[in-house]
Full PDB file with SEQRES, HELIX, SHEET, SSBOND, CRYST1, ORIGX, SCALE, CONECT and MASTER records, all heavy atoms in Angstrom:
SEQRES   1 A   38  GLY PRO SER LEU ALA LEU SER MET SER SER TYR LEU SER          
SEQRES   2 A   38  SER ARG LEU GLU ALA ASP PRO ALA ILE SER VAL HIS TYR          
SEQRES   3 A   38  ASN THR GLU ILE ASP SER LEU HIS GLY ASP ALA GLN              
HELIX    1 AA1 SER A   10  ALA A   18  1                                   9    
CRYST1    1.000    1.000    1.000  90.00  90.00  90.00 P 1           1          
ORIGX1      1.000000  0.000000  0.000000        0.00000                         
ORIGX2      0.000000  1.000000  0.000000        0.00000                         
ORIGX3      0.000000  0.000000  1.000000        0.00000                         
SCALE1      1.000000  0.000000  0.000000        0.00000                         
SCALE2      0.000000  1.000000  0.000000        0.00000                         
SCALE3      0.000000  0.000000  1.000000        0.00000                         
ATOM      1  N   GLY A   1     121.762 130.916 303.885  1.00  0.00           N  
ATOM      2  CA  GLY A   1     122.336 129.809 304.639  1.00  0.00           C  
ATOM      3  C   GLY A   1     121.301 128.950 305.325  1.00  0.00           C  
ATOM      4  O   GLY A   1     120.084 129.184 305.233  1.00  0.00           O  
ATOM      5  N   PRO A   2     121.764 127.947 306.088  1.00  0.00           N  
ATOM      6  CA  PRO A   2     120.841 127.008 306.737  1.00  0.00           C  
ATOM      7  C   PRO A   2     120.294 127.485 308.075  1.00  0.00           C  
ATOM      8  O   PRO A   2     119.400 126.839 308.636  1.00  0.00           O  
ATOM      9  CB  PRO A   2     121.720 125.759 306.938  1.00  0.00           C  
ATOM     10  CG  PRO A   2     123.108 126.308 307.086  1.00  0.00           C  
ATOM     11  CD  PRO A   2     123.181 127.512 306.194  1.00  0.00           C  
ATOM     12  N   SER A   3     120.817 128.603 308.629  1.00  0.00           N  
ATOM     13  CA  SER A   3     120.308 129.098 309.913  1.00  0.00           C  
ATOM     14  C   SER A   3     120.675 130.560 310.070  1.00  0.00           C  
ATOM     15  O   SER A   3     121.397 131.137 309.252  1.00  0.00           O  
ATOM     16  CB  SER A   3     120.884 128.287 311.081  1.00  0.00           C  
ATOM     17  OG  SER A   3     122.188 128.725 311.394  1.00  0.00           O  
ATOM     18  N   LEU A   4     120.184 131.142 311.169  1.00  0.00           N  
ATOM     19  CA  LEU A   4     120.479 132.540 311.487  1.00  0.00           C  
ATOM     20  C   LEU A   4     121.450 132.664 312.663  1.00  0.00           C  
ATOM     21  O   LEU A   4     121.782 133.771 313.071  1.00  0.00           O  
ATOM     22  CB  LEU A   4     119.178 133.277 311.840  1.00  0.00           C  
ATOM     23  CG  LEU A   4     118.163 133.449 310.707  1.00  0.00           C  
ATOM     24  CD1 LEU A   4     116.831 133.945 311.266  1.00  0.00           C  
ATOM     25  CD2 LEU A   4     118.688 134.409 309.657  1.00  0.00           C  
ATOM     26  N   ALA A   5     121.895 131.565 313.171  1.00  0.00           N  
ATOM     27  CA  ALA A   5     122.646 131.554 314.418  1.00  0.00           C  
ATOM     28  C   ALA A   5     123.928 132.375 314.355  1.00  0.00           C  
ATOM     29  O   ALA A   5     124.306 133.031 315.331  1.00  0.00           O  
ATOM     30  CB  ALA A   5     122.977 130.110 314.811  1.00  0.00           C  
ATOM     31  N   LEU A   6     124.614 132.364 313.219  1.00  0.00           N  
ATOM     32  CA  LEU A   6     125.902 133.036 313.128  1.00  0.00           C  
ATOM     33  C   LEU A   6     125.802 134.498 312.717  1.00  0.00           C  
ATOM     34  O   LEU A   6     126.761 135.253 312.864  1.00  0.00           O  
ATOM     35  CB  LEU A   6     126.803 132.293 312.137  1.00  0.00           C  
ATOM     36  CG  LEU A   6     127.206 130.868 312.528  1.00  0.00           C  
ATOM     37  CD1 LEU A   6     128.061 130.248 311.429  1.00  0.00           C  
ATOM     38  CD2 LEU A   6     127.946 130.865 313.852  1.00  0.00           C  
ATOM     39  N   SER A   7     124.656 134.924 312.194  1.00  0.00           N  
ATOM     40  CA  SER A   7     124.567 136.265 311.623  1.00  0.00           C  
ATOM     41  C   SER A   7     123.584 137.192 312.320  1.00  0.00           C  
ATOM     42  O   SER A   7     123.577 138.391 312.057  1.00  0.00           O  
ATOM     43  CB  SER A   7     124.185 136.164 310.140  1.00  0.00           C  
ATOM     44  OG  SER A   7     122.954 135.469 309.989  1.00  0.00           O  
ATOM     45  N   MET A   8     122.745 136.690 313.202  1.00  0.00           N  
ATOM     46  CA  MET A   8     121.684 137.499 313.802  1.00  0.00           C  
ATOM     47  C   MET A   8     121.647 137.290 315.309  1.00  0.00           C  
ATOM     48  O   MET A   8     121.898 136.191 315.802  1.00  0.00           O  
ATOM     49  CB  MET A   8     120.327 137.129 313.176  1.00  0.00           C  
ATOM     50  CG  MET A   8     119.173 138.016 313.582  1.00  0.00           C  
ATOM     51  SD  MET A   8     117.609 137.521 312.782  1.00  0.00           S  
ATOM     52  CE  MET A   8     117.954 137.896 311.065  1.00  0.00           C  
ATOM     53  N   SER A   9     121.306 138.364 316.041  1.00  0.00           N  
ATOM     54  CA  SER A   9     121.170 138.275 317.495  1.00  0.00           C  
ATOM     55  C   SER A   9     120.095 137.260 317.859  1.00  0.00           C  
ATOM     56  O   SER A   9     119.046 137.173 317.203  1.00  0.00           O  
ATOM     57  CB  SER A   9     120.820 139.640 318.078  1.00  0.00           C  
ATOM     58  OG  SER A   9     121.862 140.567 317.850  1.00  0.00           O  
ATOM     59  N   SER A  10     120.332 136.531 318.934  1.00  0.00           N  
ATOM     60  CA  SER A  10     119.430 135.437 319.318  1.00  0.00           C  
ATOM     61  C   SER A  10     118.017 135.933 319.596  1.00  0.00           C  
ATOM     62  O   SER A  10     117.033 135.299 319.185  1.00  0.00           O  
ATOM     63  CB  SER A  10     119.993 134.727 320.541  1.00  0.00           C  
ATOM     64  OG  SER A  10     119.123 133.715 320.985  1.00  0.00           O  
ATOM     65  N   TYR A  11     117.892 137.071 320.302  1.00  0.00           N  
ATOM     66  CA  TYR A  11     116.550 137.561 320.646  1.00  0.00           C  
ATOM     67  C   TYR A  11     115.741 137.844 319.400  1.00  0.00           C  
ATOM     68  O   TYR A  11     114.519 137.622 319.357  1.00  0.00           O  
ATOM     69  CB  TYR A  11     116.645 138.817 321.521  1.00  0.00           C  
ATOM     70  CG  TYR A  11     116.880 140.106 320.760  1.00  0.00           C  
ATOM     71  CD1 TYR A  11     115.814 140.885 320.312  1.00  0.00           C  
ATOM     72  CD2 TYR A  11     118.172 140.551 320.473  1.00  0.00           C  
ATOM     73  CE1 TYR A  11     116.026 142.059 319.612  1.00  0.00           C  
ATOM     74  CE2 TYR A  11     118.387 141.728 319.774  1.00  0.00           C  
ATOM     75  CZ  TYR A  11     117.317 142.472 319.347  1.00  0.00           C  
ATOM     76  OH  TYR A  11     117.516 143.639 318.639  1.00  0.00           O  
ATOM     77  N   LEU A  12     116.405 138.315 318.334  1.00  0.00           N  
ATOM     78  CA  LEU A  12     115.707 138.681 317.109  1.00  0.00           C  
ATOM     79  C   LEU A  12     115.321 137.452 316.294  1.00  0.00           C  
ATOM     80  O   LEU A  12     114.188 137.348 315.811  1.00  0.00           O  
ATOM     81  CB  LEU A  12     116.598 139.617 316.290  1.00  0.00           C  
ATOM     82  CG  LEU A  12     115.983 140.269 315.041  1.00  0.00           C  
ATOM     83  CD1 LEU A  12     114.684 140.999 315.382  1.00  0.00           C  
ATOM     84  CD2 LEU A  12     116.985 141.246 314.432  1.00  0.00           C  
ATOM     85  N   SER A  13     116.227 136.490 316.164  1.00  0.00           N  
ATOM     86  CA  SER A  13     115.905 135.281 315.396  1.00  0.00           C  
ATOM     87  C   SER A  13     114.778 134.496 316.066  1.00  0.00           C  
ATOM     88  O   SER A  13     113.919 133.920 315.398  1.00  0.00           O  
ATOM     89  CB  SER A  13     117.144 134.404 315.235  1.00  0.00           C  
ATOM     90  OG  SER A  13     117.661 133.998 316.482  1.00  0.00           O  
ATOM     91  N   SER A  14     114.752 134.510 317.403  1.00  0.00           N  
ATOM     92  CA  SER A  14     113.672 133.805 318.120  1.00  0.00           C  
ATOM     93  C   SER A  14     112.321 134.450 317.827  1.00  0.00           C  
ATOM     94  O   SER A  14     111.308 133.758 317.641  1.00  0.00           O  
ATOM     95  CB  SER A  14     113.943 133.821 319.619  1.00  0.00           C  
ATOM     96  OG  SER A  14     115.140 133.142 319.927  1.00  0.00           O  
ATOM     97  N   ARG A  15     112.276 135.767 317.783  1.00  0.00           N  
ATOM     98  CA  ARG A  15     111.019 136.461 317.491  1.00  0.00           C  
ATOM     99  C   ARG A  15     110.542 136.183 316.066  1.00  0.00           C  
ATOM    100  O   ARG A  15     109.346 136.022 315.809  1.00  0.00           O  
ATOM    101  CB  ARG A  15     111.190 137.957 317.692  1.00  0.00           C  
ATOM    102  CG  ARG A  15     111.310 138.359 319.138  1.00  0.00           C  
ATOM    103  CD  ARG A  15     111.410 139.861 319.284  1.00  0.00           C  
ATOM    104  NE  ARG A  15     111.635 140.252 320.656  1.00  0.00           N  
ATOM    105  CZ  ARG A  15     111.814 141.502 321.051  1.00  0.00           C  
ATOM    106  NH1 ARG A  15     111.803 142.479 320.149  1.00  0.00           N  
ATOM    107  NH2 ARG A  15     112.011 141.788 322.313  1.00  0.00           N  
ATOM    108  N   LEU A  16     111.486 136.153 315.142  1.00  0.00           N  
ATOM    109  CA  LEU A  16     111.115 135.878 313.751  1.00  0.00           C  
ATOM    110  C   LEU A  16     110.489 134.499 313.615  1.00  0.00           C  
ATOM    111  O   LEU A  16     109.468 134.324 312.940  1.00  0.00           O  
ATOM    112  CB  LEU A  16     112.348 135.979 312.845  1.00  0.00           C  
ATOM    113  CG  LEU A  16     112.969 137.365 312.674  1.00  0.00           C  
ATOM    114  CD1 LEU A  16     114.308 137.265 311.969  1.00  0.00           C  
ATOM    115  CD2 LEU A  16     112.032 138.276 311.892  1.00  0.00           C  
ATOM    116  N   GLU A  17     111.116 133.516 314.236  1.00  0.00           N  
ATOM    117  CA  GLU A  17     110.608 132.143 314.148  1.00  0.00           C  
ATOM    118  C   GLU A  17     109.224 132.007 314.787  1.00  0.00           C  
ATOM    119  O   GLU A  17     108.411 131.189 314.360  1.00  0.00           O  
ATOM    120  CB  GLU A  17     111.588 131.187 314.840  1.00  0.00           C  
ATOM    121  CG  GLU A  17     112.943 131.078 314.170  1.00  0.00           C  
ATOM    122  CD  GLU A  17     112.921 130.201 312.922  1.00  0.00           C  
ATOM    123  OE1 GLU A  17     111.824 129.787 312.510  1.00  0.00           O  
ATOM    124  OE2 GLU A  17     114.003 129.956 312.361  1.00  0.00           O  
ATOM    125  N   ALA A  18     108.939 132.842 315.791  1.00  0.00           N  
ATOM    126  CA  ALA A  18     107.671 132.713 316.523  1.00  0.00           C  
ATOM    127  C   ALA A  18     106.545 133.542 315.927  1.00  0.00           C  
ATOM    128  O   ALA A  18     105.382 133.352 316.294  1.00  0.00           O  
ATOM    129  CB  ALA A  18     107.884 133.115 317.978  1.00  0.00           C  
ATOM    130  N   ASP A  19     106.860 134.457 315.020  1.00  0.00           N  
ATOM    131  CA  ASP A  19     105.848 135.371 314.487  1.00  0.00           C  
ATOM    132  C   ASP A  19     105.070 134.712 313.345  1.00  0.00           C  
ATOM    133  O   ASP A  19     105.647 134.365 312.311  1.00  0.00           O  
ATOM    134  CB  ASP A  19     106.529 136.643 313.982  1.00  0.00           C  
ATOM    135  CG  ASP A  19     105.537 137.774 313.732  1.00  0.00           C  
ATOM    136  OD1 ASP A  19     104.389 137.489 313.339  1.00  0.00           O  
ATOM    137  OD2 ASP A  19     105.920 138.945 313.936  1.00  0.00           O  
ATOM    138  N   PRO A  20     103.759 134.532 313.493  1.00  0.00           N  
ATOM    139  CA  PRO A  20     102.978 133.876 312.431  1.00  0.00           C  
ATOM    140  C   PRO A  20     102.872 134.703 311.155  1.00  0.00           C  
ATOM    141  O   PRO A  20     102.513 134.166 310.100  1.00  0.00           O  
ATOM    142  CB  PRO A  20     101.600 133.695 313.083  1.00  0.00           C  
ATOM    143  CG  PRO A  20     101.530 134.747 314.138  1.00  0.00           C  
ATOM    144  CD  PRO A  20     102.922 134.891 314.652  1.00  0.00           C  
ATOM    145  N   ALA A  21     103.177 136.000 311.238  1.00  0.00           N  
ATOM    146  CA  ALA A  21     103.098 136.852 310.051  1.00  0.00           C  
ATOM    147  C   ALA A  21     104.395 136.835 309.248  1.00  0.00           C  
ATOM    148  O   ALA A  21     104.507 137.523 308.228  1.00  0.00           O  
ATOM    149  CB  ALA A  21     102.763 138.286 310.456  1.00  0.00           C  
ATOM    150  N   ILE A  22     105.385 136.036 309.702  1.00  0.00           N  
ATOM    151  CA  ILE A  22     106.681 135.981 309.028  1.00  0.00           C  
ATOM    152  C   ILE A  22     107.035 134.530 308.722  1.00  0.00           C  
ATOM    153  O   ILE A  22     106.930 133.658 309.591  1.00  0.00           O  
ATOM    154  CB  ILE A  22     107.790 136.609 309.896  1.00  0.00           C  
ATOM    155  CG1 ILE A  22     107.480 138.082 310.182  1.00  0.00           C  
ATOM    156  CG2 ILE A  22     109.151 136.472 309.226  1.00  0.00           C  
ATOM    157  CD1 ILE A  22     108.446 138.721 311.165  1.00  0.00           C  
ATOM    158  N   SER A  23     107.456 134.281 307.491  1.00  0.00           N  
ATOM    159  CA  SER A  23     107.963 132.964 307.106  1.00  0.00           C  
ATOM    160  C   SER A  23     109.442 133.100 306.795  1.00  0.00           C  
ATOM    161  O   SER A  23     109.832 133.953 305.987  1.00  0.00           O  
ATOM    162  CB  SER A  23     107.226 132.422 305.876  1.00  0.00           C  
ATOM    163  OG  SER A  23     105.868 132.197 306.162  1.00  0.00           O  
ATOM    164  N   VAL A  24     110.266 132.283 307.429  1.00  0.00           N  
ATOM    165  CA  VAL A  24     111.704 132.294 307.171  1.00  0.00           C  
ATOM    166  C   VAL A  24     112.026 131.136 306.229  1.00  0.00           C  
ATOM    167  O   VAL A  24     111.755 129.977 306.542  1.00  0.00           O  
ATOM    168  CB  VAL A  24     112.510 132.164 308.473  1.00  0.00           C  
ATOM    169  CG1 VAL A  24     114.008 132.245 308.171  1.00  0.00           C  
ATOM    170  CG2 VAL A  24     112.111 133.255 309.462  1.00  0.00           C  
ATOM    171  N   HIS A  25     112.595 131.463 305.092  1.00  0.00           N  
ATOM    172  CA  HIS A  25     112.947 130.458 304.084  1.00  0.00           C  
ATOM    173  C   HIS A  25     114.464 130.313 304.078  1.00  0.00           C  
ATOM    174  O   HIS A  25     115.180 131.215 303.629  1.00  0.00           O  
ATOM    175  CB  HIS A  25     112.469 130.886 302.694  1.00  0.00           C  
ATOM    176  CG  HIS A  25     111.000 131.187 302.618  1.00  0.00           C  
ATOM    177  ND1 HIS A  25     110.058 130.258 302.251  1.00  0.00           N  
ATOM    178  CD2 HIS A  25     110.309 132.337 302.884  1.00  0.00           C  
ATOM    179  CE1 HIS A  25     108.859 130.803 302.272  1.00  0.00           C  
ATOM    180  NE2 HIS A  25     108.979 132.070 302.657  1.00  0.00           N  
ATOM    181  N   TYR A  26     114.966 129.183 304.553  1.00  0.00           N  
ATOM    182  CA  TYR A  26     116.409 128.951 304.576  1.00  0.00           C  
ATOM    183  C   TYR A  26     116.879 128.361 303.241  1.00  0.00           C  
ATOM    184  O   TYR A  26     116.081 127.807 302.472  1.00  0.00           O  
ATOM    185  CB  TYR A  26     116.770 128.005 305.722  1.00  0.00           C  
ATOM    186  CG  TYR A  26     116.483 128.596 307.092  1.00  0.00           C  
ATOM    187  CD1 TYR A  26     115.404 128.167 307.859  1.00  0.00           C  
ATOM    188  CD2 TYR A  26     117.305 129.595 307.616  1.00  0.00           C  
ATOM    189  CE1 TYR A  26     115.140 128.702 309.107  1.00  0.00           C  
ATOM    190  CE2 TYR A  26     117.051 130.142 308.862  1.00  0.00           C  
ATOM    191  CZ  TYR A  26     115.961 129.691 309.597  1.00  0.00           C  
ATOM    192  OH  TYR A  26     115.695 130.251 310.828  1.00  0.00           O  
ATOM    193  N   ASN A  27     118.184 128.492 302.995  1.00  0.00           N  
ATOM    194  CA  ASN A  27     118.784 127.963 301.758  1.00  0.00           C  
ATOM    195  C   ASN A  27     118.022 128.429 300.522  1.00  0.00           C  
ATOM    196  O   ASN A  27     117.778 127.664 299.587  1.00  0.00           O  
ATOM    197  CB  ASN A  27     118.812 126.424 301.802  1.00  0.00           C  
ATOM    198  CG  ASN A  27     119.604 125.890 302.977  1.00  0.00           C  
ATOM    199  OD1 ASN A  27     120.761 126.245 303.167  1.00  0.00           O  
ATOM    200  ND2 ASN A  27     118.960 125.057 303.788  1.00  0.00           N  
ATOM    201  N   THR A  28     117.653 129.712 300.527  1.00  0.00           N  
ATOM    202  CA  THR A  28     116.782 130.240 299.479  1.00  0.00           C  
ATOM    203  C   THR A  28     117.339 131.540 298.919  1.00  0.00           C  
ATOM    204  O   THR A  28     117.892 132.360 299.667  1.00  0.00           O  
ATOM    205  CB  THR A  28     115.359 130.487 300.029  1.00  0.00           C  
ATOM    206  OG1 THR A  28     114.859 129.278 300.595  1.00  0.00           O  
ATOM    207  CG2 THR A  28     114.420 130.954 298.930  1.00  0.00           C  
ATOM    208  N   GLU A  29     117.181 131.731 297.593  1.00  0.00           N  
ATOM    209  CA  GLU A  29     117.638 132.941 296.928  1.00  0.00           C  
ATOM    210  C   GLU A  29     116.579 133.435 295.954  1.00  0.00           C  
ATOM    211  O   GLU A  29     115.671 132.689 295.567  1.00  0.00           O  
ATOM    212  CB  GLU A  29     118.944 132.681 296.162  1.00  0.00           C  
ATOM    213  CG  GLU A  29     120.110 132.269 297.035  1.00  0.00           C  
ATOM    214  CD  GLU A  29     121.363 132.011 296.226  1.00  0.00           C  
ATOM    215  OE1 GLU A  29     121.251 131.897 294.981  1.00  0.00           O  
ATOM    216  OE2 GLU A  29     122.456 131.932 296.811  1.00  0.00           O  
ATOM    217  N   ILE A  30     116.707 134.713 295.559  1.00  0.00           N  
ATOM    218  CA  ILE A  30     115.837 135.265 294.520  1.00  0.00           C  
ATOM    219  C   ILE A  30     116.309 134.756 293.162  1.00  0.00           C  
ATOM    220  O   ILE A  30     117.503 134.816 292.847  1.00  0.00           O  
ATOM    221  CB  ILE A  30     115.874 136.809 294.539  1.00  0.00           C  
ATOM    222  CG1 ILE A  30     115.252 137.349 295.826  1.00  0.00           C  
ATOM    223  CG2 ILE A  30     115.152 137.387 293.324  1.00  0.00           C  
ATOM    224  CD1 ILE A  30     113.753 137.191 295.904  1.00  0.00           C  
ATOM    225  N   ASP A  31     115.381 134.288 292.383  1.00  0.00           N  
ATOM    226  CA  ASP A  31     115.717 133.790 291.043  1.00  0.00           C  
ATOM    227  C   ASP A  31     115.379 134.808 289.961  1.00  0.00           C  
ATOM    228  O   ASP A  31     116.173 135.041 289.052  1.00  0.00           O  
ATOM    229  CB  ASP A  31     114.965 132.483 290.772  1.00  0.00           C  
ATOM    230  CG  ASP A  31     115.317 131.886 289.413  1.00  0.00           C  
ATOM    231  OD1 ASP A  31     116.409 131.315 289.292  1.00  0.00           O  
ATOM    232  OD2 ASP A  31     114.486 132.027 288.477  1.00  0.00           O  
ATOM    233  N   SER A  32     114.199 135.437 290.048  1.00  0.00           N  
ATOM    234  CA  SER A  32     113.801 136.401 289.022  1.00  0.00           C  
ATOM    235  C   SER A  32     112.753 137.356 289.564  1.00  0.00           C  
ATOM    236  O   SER A  32     112.130 137.097 290.602  1.00  0.00           O  
ATOM    237  CB  SER A  32     113.260 135.684 287.778  1.00  0.00           C  
ATOM    238  OG  SER A  32     112.174 134.833 288.111  1.00  0.00           O  
ATOM    239  N   LEU A  33     112.588 138.470 288.842  1.00  0.00           N  
ATOM    240  CA  LEU A  33     111.642 139.517 289.212  1.00  0.00           C  
ATOM    241  C   LEU A  33     110.550 139.609 288.168  1.00  0.00           C  
ATOM    242  O   LEU A  33     110.782 139.367 286.977  1.00  0.00           O  
ATOM    243  CB  LEU A  33     112.366 140.864 289.310  1.00  0.00           C  
ATOM    244  CG  LEU A  33     113.632 140.908 290.165  1.00  0.00           C  
ATOM    245  CD1 LEU A  33     114.319 142.260 290.014  1.00  0.00           C  
ATOM    246  CD2 LEU A  33     113.313 140.632 291.628  1.00  0.00           C  
ATOM    247  N   HIS A  34     109.357 140.012 288.601  1.00  0.00           N  
ATOM    248  CA  HIS A  34     108.225 140.128 287.681  1.00  0.00           C  
ATOM    249  C   HIS A  34     107.537 141.480 287.883  1.00  0.00           C  
ATOM    250  O   HIS A  34     107.437 141.976 289.006  1.00  0.00           O  
ATOM    251  CB  HIS A  34     107.222 139.002 287.919  1.00  0.00           C  
ATOM    252  CG  HIS A  34     107.847 137.637 287.908  1.00  0.00           C  
ATOM    253  ND1 HIS A  34     108.241 136.991 286.763  1.00  0.00           N  
ATOM    254  CD2 HIS A  34     108.180 136.811 288.942  1.00  0.00           C  
ATOM    255  CE1 HIS A  34     108.765 135.815 287.072  1.00  0.00           C  
ATOM    256  NE2 HIS A  34     108.743 135.682 288.398  1.00  0.00           N  
ATOM    257  N   GLY A  35     107.068 142.052 286.797  1.00  0.00           N  
ATOM    258  CA  GLY A  35     106.391 143.345 286.837  1.00  0.00           C  
ATOM    259  C   GLY A  35     106.947 144.267 285.776  1.00  0.00           C  
ATOM    260  O   GLY A  35     108.113 144.151 285.379  1.00  0.00           O  
ATOM    261  N   ASP A  36     106.105 145.177 285.307  1.00  0.00           N  
ATOM    262  CA  ASP A  36     106.539 146.114 284.278  1.00  0.00           C  
ATOM    263  C   ASP A  36     107.089 147.395 284.924  1.00  0.00           C  
ATOM    264  O   ASP A  36     108.264 147.502 285.179  1.00  0.00           O  
ATOM    265  CB  ASP A  36     105.368 146.425 283.333  1.00  0.00           C  
ATOM    266  CG  ASP A  36     104.925 145.184 282.565  1.00  0.00           C  
ATOM    267  OD1 ASP A  36     105.805 144.364 282.225  1.00  0.00           O  
ATOM    268  OD2 ASP A  36     103.715 145.024 282.324  1.00  0.00           O  
ATOM    269  N   ALA A  37     106.218 148.358 285.173  1.00  0.00           N  
ATOM    270  CA  ALA A  37     106.668 149.598 285.805  1.00  0.00           C  
ATOM    271  C   ALA A  37     106.831 149.431 287.304  1.00  0.00           C  
ATOM    272  O   ALA A  37     107.502 150.227 287.958  1.00  0.00           O  
ATOM    273  CB  ALA A  37     105.679 150.719 285.507  1.00  0.00           C  
ATOM    274  N   GLN A  38     106.235 148.388 287.887  1.00  0.00           N  
ATOM    275  CA  GLN A  38     106.248 148.173 289.323  1.00  0.00           C  
ATOM    276  C   GLN A  38     106.418 146.687 289.609  1.00  0.00           C  
ATOM    277  O   GLN A  38     105.857 145.845 288.906  1.00  0.00           O  
ATOM    278  CB  GLN A  38     104.942 148.683 289.945  1.00  0.00           C  
ATOM    279  CG  GLN A  38     104.806 148.515 291.432  1.00  0.00           C  
ATOM    280  CD  GLN A  38     105.604 149.530 292.228  1.00  0.00           C  
ATOM    281  OE1 GLN A  38     105.857 150.631 291.733  1.00  0.00           O  
ATOM    282  NE2 GLN A  38     106.010 149.180 293.435  1.00  0.00           N  
TER     283      GLN A  38                                                      
MASTER        0    0    0    1    0    0    0    6  282    1    0    3          
END                                                                             
């Protein structure tokens, strides 16, 4: 979806947005997987 407001606690979504080690991609889905045994 376009935001986390309806599905996640506010304290947690705020931390995610502020953490430089985490990128939040909105309106995004997995398209395909790559790898053989792993």
